[in-house]
Amino acid sequence: FHGADVRSIGIWGMPGIGKTTLAKAVFNHMSSDYDASCFIENFDESFHKEGLHRLLEEKIGKLLKDVFDIKGSYIMRPSLQRDKLCNKRILVVLDDVW
């Protein structure tokens, strides 16, 4: 996205050491600092089962509709950020990404 400030962080390690628990705790702590937030569990499984477009529509599209009153079909339009999301802070956490 042109002009967007995107930051990312990754947590990796052996199974069962608490990565998801840590991610949820950080999400719960930080989500109130954002205009909208979304935690997507089992991202890799959902991505392979449903495909990226359906996953975005289902998870991010619902968030955009509920918080910003944006129709789901609008999610893939390049003008989305400029028209509706300008100066909005959105936190998206993808859990279980391979």
N, C-alpha and C. Protein backbone atom coordinates (compact mmCIF):
# COMPACT_ATOMS: atom_id res chain seq x y z
N PHE A 1 0.85 -1.18 0.00
CA PHE A 1 0.00 0.00 0.00
C PHE A 1 0.88 1.23 0.00
N HIS A 2 0.63 2.11 -0.90
CA HIS A 2 1.41 3.32 -1.01
C HIS A 2 1.16 4.21 0.20
N GLY A 3 2.20 4.60 0.88
CA GLY A 3 2.07 5.50 2.01
C GLY A 3 1.71 4.80 3.31
N ALA A 4 1.48 3.51 3.28
CA ALA A 4 1.11 2.79 4.50
C ALA A 4 2.36 2.43 5.28
N ASP A 5 2.24 2.50 6.57
CA ASP A 5 3.33 2.10 7.45
C ASP A 5 3.00 0.70 7.96
N VAL A 6 3.69 -0.31 7.44
CA VAL A 6 3.42 -1.69 7.80
C VAL A 6 4.59 -2.20 8.63
N ARG A 7 4.25 -2.76 9.76
CA ARG A 7 5.27 -3.34 10.63
C ARG A 7 4.92 -4.79 10.88
N SER A 8 5.92 -5.64 10.96
CA SER A 8 5.65 -7.04 11.23
C SER A 8 6.67 -7.59 12.22
N ILE A 9 6.25 -8.62 12.93
CA ILE A 9 7.12 -9.30 13.88
C ILE A 9 6.78 -10.78 13.79
N GLY A 10 7.76 -11.61 13.94
CA GLY A 10 7.53 -13.06 13.90
C GLY A 10 7.98 -13.72 15.18
N ILE A 11 7.23 -14.72 15.60
CA ILE A 11 7.59 -15.53 16.76
C ILE A 11 7.69 -16.96 16.25
N TRP A 12 8.82 -17.59 16.46
CA TRP A 12 8.96 -18.96 15.98
C TRP A 12 9.67 -19.78 17.05
N GLY A 13 9.46 -21.08 16.96
CA GLY A 13 10.09 -22.00 17.91
C GLY A 13 9.41 -23.35 17.85
N MET A 14 9.84 -24.22 18.72
CA MET A 14 9.32 -25.58 18.76
C MET A 14 7.84 -25.58 19.14
N PRO A 15 7.10 -26.60 18.70
CA PRO A 15 5.69 -26.71 19.08
C PRO A 15 5.53 -26.83 20.60
N GLY A 16 4.47 -26.21 21.12
CA GLY A 16 4.13 -26.36 22.52
C GLY A 16 4.85 -25.48 23.51
N ILE A 17 5.62 -24.49 23.02
CA ILE A 17 6.37 -23.64 23.96
C ILE A 17 5.63 -22.35 24.32
N GLY A 18 4.43 -22.15 23.75
CA GLY A 18 3.62 -21.00 24.15
C GLY A 18 3.61 -19.84 23.17
N LYS A 19 3.92 -20.09 21.91
CA LYS A 19 3.93 -19.00 20.91
C LYS A 19 2.54 -18.39 20.74
N THR A 20 1.52 -19.23 20.62
CA THR A 20 0.16 -18.73 20.46
C THR A 20 -0.31 -18.02 21.72
N THR A 21 0.00 -18.56 22.87
CA THR A 21 -0.37 -17.91 24.13
C THR A 21 0.27 -16.53 24.24
N LEU A 22 1.53 -16.44 23.86
CA LEU A 22 2.22 -15.15 23.87
C LEU A 22 1.61 -14.19 22.86
N ALA A 23 1.31 -14.68 21.65
CA ALA A 23 0.72 -13.84 20.61
C ALA A 23 -0.64 -13.31 21.06
N LYS A 24 -1.46 -14.17 21.68
CA LYS A 24 -2.77 -13.73 22.17
C LYS A 24 -2.64 -12.70 23.28
N ALA A 25 -1.69 -12.89 24.17
CA ALA A 25 -1.48 -11.93 25.26
C ALA A 25 -1.05 -10.57 24.72
N VAL A 26 -0.13 -10.56 23.77
CA VAL A 26 0.31 -9.31 23.16
C VAL A 26 -0.85 -8.66 22.40
N PHE A 27 -1.61 -9.47 21.65
CA PHE A 27 -2.78 -8.96 20.92
C PHE A 27 -3.77 -8.32 21.88
N ASN A 28 -4.11 -9.02 22.96
CA ASN A 28 -5.07 -8.47 23.92
C ASN A 28 -4.56 -7.18 24.55
N HIS A 29 -3.27 -7.11 24.80
CA HIS A 29 -2.68 -5.91 25.39
C HIS A 29 -2.66 -4.73 24.41
N MET A 30 -2.36 -5.01 23.15
CA MET A 30 -2.17 -3.95 22.16
C MET A 30 -3.43 -3.56 21.40
N SER A 31 -4.43 -4.42 21.31
CA SER A 31 -5.57 -4.19 20.42
C SER A 31 -6.34 -2.91 20.73
N SER A 32 -6.36 -2.49 21.97
CA SER A 32 -7.09 -1.26 22.32
C SER A 32 -6.40 0.00 21.79
N ASP A 33 -5.15 -0.11 21.37
CA ASP A 33 -4.41 1.03 20.82
C ASP A 33 -4.70 1.24 19.33
N TYR A 34 -5.52 0.37 18.73
CA TYR A 34 -5.79 0.40 17.30
C TYR A 34 -7.26 0.70 17.03
N ASP A 35 -7.53 1.21 15.83
CA ASP A 35 -8.91 1.48 15.43
C ASP A 35 -9.69 0.19 15.21
N ALA A 36 -9.00 -0.86 14.83
CA ALA A 36 -9.61 -2.17 14.63
C ALA A 36 -8.52 -3.23 14.79
N SER A 37 -8.93 -4.45 15.16
CA SER A 37 -7.95 -5.52 15.32
C SER A 37 -8.59 -6.85 15.00
N CYS A 38 -7.75 -7.80 14.56
CA CYS A 38 -8.23 -9.11 14.15
C CYS A 38 -7.14 -10.14 14.42
N PHE A 39 -7.49 -11.21 15.13
CA PHE A 39 -6.57 -12.31 15.40
C PHE A 39 -7.04 -13.50 14.58
N ILE A 40 -6.25 -13.95 13.63
CA ILE A 40 -6.62 -15.07 12.77
C ILE A 40 -5.84 -16.31 13.20
N GLU A 41 -6.57 -17.23 13.85
CA GLU A 41 -5.96 -18.47 14.30
C GLU A 41 -5.86 -19.47 13.15
N ASN A 42 -4.91 -20.38 13.25
CA ASN A 42 -4.74 -21.44 12.25
C ASN A 42 -4.69 -20.89 10.83
N PHE A 43 -3.92 -19.85 10.63
CA PHE A 43 -3.87 -19.18 9.33
C PHE A 43 -3.48 -20.14 8.21
N ASP A 44 -2.43 -20.91 8.41
CA ASP A 44 -1.93 -21.79 7.34
C ASP A 44 -2.98 -22.81 6.92
N GLU A 45 -3.64 -23.42 7.88
CA GLU A 45 -4.68 -24.40 7.59
C GLU A 45 -5.85 -23.75 6.82
N SER A 46 -6.29 -22.59 7.29
CA SER A 46 -7.39 -21.88 6.62
C SER A 46 -6.99 -21.42 5.23
N PHE A 47 -5.75 -20.97 5.08
CA PHE A 47 -5.25 -20.52 3.78
C PHE A 47 -5.30 -21.65 2.76
N HIS A 48 -4.84 -22.84 3.16
CA HIS A 48 -4.82 -23.98 2.23
C HIS A 48 -6.21 -24.57 2.00
N LYS A 49 -7.07 -24.50 2.97
CA LYS A 49 -8.41 -25.06 2.84
C LYS A 49 -9.35 -24.11 2.07
N GLU A 50 -9.30 -22.81 2.38
CA GLU A 50 -10.25 -21.86 1.82
C GLU A 50 -9.68 -20.98 0.71
N GLY A 51 -8.38 -20.83 0.66
CA GLY A 51 -7.76 -19.91 -0.28
C GLY A 51 -7.67 -18.51 0.30
N LEU A 52 -6.75 -17.72 -0.22
CA LEU A 52 -6.48 -16.40 0.34
C LEU A 52 -7.67 -15.47 0.21
N HIS A 53 -8.30 -15.43 -0.97
CA HIS A 53 -9.40 -14.50 -1.18
C HIS A 53 -10.55 -14.76 -0.19
N ARG A 54 -10.94 -16.00 -0.06
CA ARG A 54 -12.05 -16.34 0.86
C ARG A 54 -11.65 -16.05 2.31
N LEU A 55 -10.40 -16.35 2.66
CA LEU A 55 -9.92 -16.08 4.01
C LEU A 55 -9.96 -14.58 4.31
N LEU A 56 -9.49 -13.77 3.36
CA LEU A 56 -9.54 -12.32 3.54
C LEU A 56 -10.97 -11.82 3.67
N GLU A 57 -11.84 -12.30 2.81
CA GLU A 57 -13.25 -11.90 2.86
C GLU A 57 -13.87 -12.28 4.20
N GLU A 58 -13.58 -13.50 4.65
CA GLU A 58 -14.19 -14.02 5.87
C GLU A 58 -13.69 -13.31 7.12
N LYS A 59 -12.40 -13.10 7.22
CA LYS A 59 -11.82 -12.54 8.44
C LYS A 59 -11.67 -11.01 8.37
N ILE A 60 -10.91 -10.54 7.39
CA ILE A 60 -10.67 -9.10 7.27
C ILE A 60 -11.92 -8.39 6.79
N GLY A 61 -12.64 -9.01 5.86
CA GLY A 61 -13.87 -8.41 5.34
C GLY A 61 -14.89 -8.18 6.44
N LYS A 62 -15.03 -9.15 7.35
CA LYS A 62 -15.96 -9.00 8.48
C LYS A 62 -15.52 -7.85 9.38
N LEU A 63 -14.24 -7.75 9.64
CA LEU A 63 -13.70 -6.66 10.45
C LEU A 63 -14.01 -5.31 9.81
N LEU A 64 -13.74 -5.21 8.50
CA LEU A 64 -13.97 -3.94 7.81
C LEU A 64 -15.45 -3.57 7.81
N LYS A 65 -16.31 -4.57 7.67
CA LYS A 65 -17.76 -4.30 7.67
C LYS A 65 -18.22 -3.87 9.06
N ASP A 66 -17.82 -4.61 10.08
CA ASP A 66 -18.27 -4.34 11.44
C ASP A 66 -17.75 -3.01 11.98
N VAL A 67 -16.50 -2.70 11.70
CA VAL A 67 -15.88 -1.52 12.30
C VAL A 67 -16.00 -0.28 11.41
N PHE A 68 -15.79 -0.46 10.09
CA PHE A 68 -15.74 0.70 9.19
C PHE A 68 -16.90 0.76 8.21
N ASP A 69 -17.85 -0.18 8.31
CA ASP A 69 -19.01 -0.25 7.42
C ASP A 69 -18.61 -0.32 5.95
N ILE A 70 -17.63 -1.17 5.66
CA ILE A 70 -17.14 -1.37 4.30
C ILE A 70 -17.66 -2.71 3.81
N LYS A 71 -18.27 -2.74 2.64
CA LYS A 71 -18.81 -3.97 2.06
C LYS A 71 -17.67 -4.93 1.72
N GLY A 72 -17.94 -6.23 1.87
CA GLY A 72 -16.93 -7.26 1.62
C GLY A 72 -16.34 -7.22 0.23
N SER A 73 -17.15 -6.91 -0.77
CA SER A 73 -16.65 -6.90 -2.15
C SER A 73 -15.66 -5.76 -2.39
N TYR A 74 -15.60 -4.83 -1.47
CA TYR A 74 -14.74 -3.66 -1.60
C TYR A 74 -13.30 -3.95 -1.15
N ILE A 75 -13.09 -5.09 -0.48
CA ILE A 75 -11.80 -5.38 0.15
C ILE A 75 -10.64 -5.43 -0.84
N MET A 76 -10.86 -5.90 -2.07
CA MET A 76 -9.77 -6.06 -3.02
C MET A 76 -9.52 -4.82 -3.89
N ARG A 77 -10.28 -3.79 -3.71
CA ARG A 77 -10.09 -2.59 -4.53
C ARG A 77 -8.88 -1.80 -4.06
N PRO A 78 -8.03 -1.38 -4.98
CA PRO A 78 -6.83 -0.61 -4.59
C PRO A 78 -7.15 0.71 -3.89
N SER A 79 -8.31 1.27 -4.16
CA SER A 79 -8.65 2.55 -3.56
C SER A 79 -9.15 2.42 -2.13
N LEU A 80 -9.25 1.19 -1.61
CA LEU A 80 -9.78 0.97 -0.27
C LEU A 80 -9.03 1.78 0.78
N GLN A 81 -7.72 1.68 0.75
CA GLN A 81 -6.93 2.38 1.76
C GLN A 81 -7.14 3.88 1.67
N ARG A 82 -7.07 4.43 0.49
CA ARG A 82 -7.19 5.86 0.31
C ARG A 82 -8.59 6.36 0.70
N ASP A 83 -9.61 5.63 0.29
CA ASP A 83 -10.98 6.08 0.51
C ASP A 83 -11.48 5.90 1.93
N LYS A 84 -11.24 4.74 2.51
CA LYS A 84 -11.87 4.41 3.78
C LYS A 84 -10.90 4.23 4.96
N LEU A 85 -9.67 3.88 4.67
CA LEU A 85 -8.76 3.53 5.76
C LEU A 85 -7.65 4.53 6.00
N CYS A 86 -7.74 5.67 5.36
CA CYS A 86 -6.72 6.69 5.53
C CYS A 86 -6.60 7.06 7.01
N ASN A 87 -5.40 7.03 7.52
CA ASN A 87 -5.10 7.38 8.91
C ASN A 87 -5.72 6.45 9.95
N LYS A 88 -6.05 5.24 9.57
CA LYS A 88 -6.58 4.25 10.51
C LYS A 88 -5.46 3.30 10.90
N ARG A 89 -5.47 2.89 12.14
CA ARG A 89 -4.48 1.92 12.62
C ARG A 89 -5.19 0.58 12.82
N ILE A 90 -4.69 -0.45 12.13
CA ILE A 90 -5.31 -1.76 12.18
C ILE A 90 -4.25 -2.80 12.56
N LEU A 91 -4.59 -3.62 13.55
CA LEU A 91 -3.70 -4.68 14.01
C LEU A 91 -4.25 -6.01 13.52
N VAL A 92 -3.44 -6.75 12.76
CA VAL A 92 -3.82 -8.08 12.28
C VAL A 92 -2.75 -9.05 12.74
N VAL A 93 -3.17 -10.08 13.46
CA VAL A 93 -2.24 -11.12 13.93
C VAL A 93 -2.60 -12.41 13.22
N LEU A 94 -1.62 -13.01 12.55
CA LEU A 94 -1.78 -14.29 11.88
C LEU A 94 -1.06 -15.34 12.70
N ASP A 95 -1.83 -16.30 13.23
CA ASP A 95 -1.27 -17.34 14.07
C ASP A 95 -1.10 -18.63 13.26
N ASP A 96 -0.05 -19.35 13.53
CA ASP A 96 0.25 -20.63 12.88
C ASP A 96 0.50 -20.46 11.38
N VAL A 97 1.45 -19.63 11.07
CA VAL A 97 1.84 -19.38 9.68
C VAL A 97 3.12 -20.16 9.40
N TRP A 98 3.11 -20.91 8.30
CA TRP A 98 4.31 -21.68 7.91
C TRP A 98 5.08 -20.91 6.91
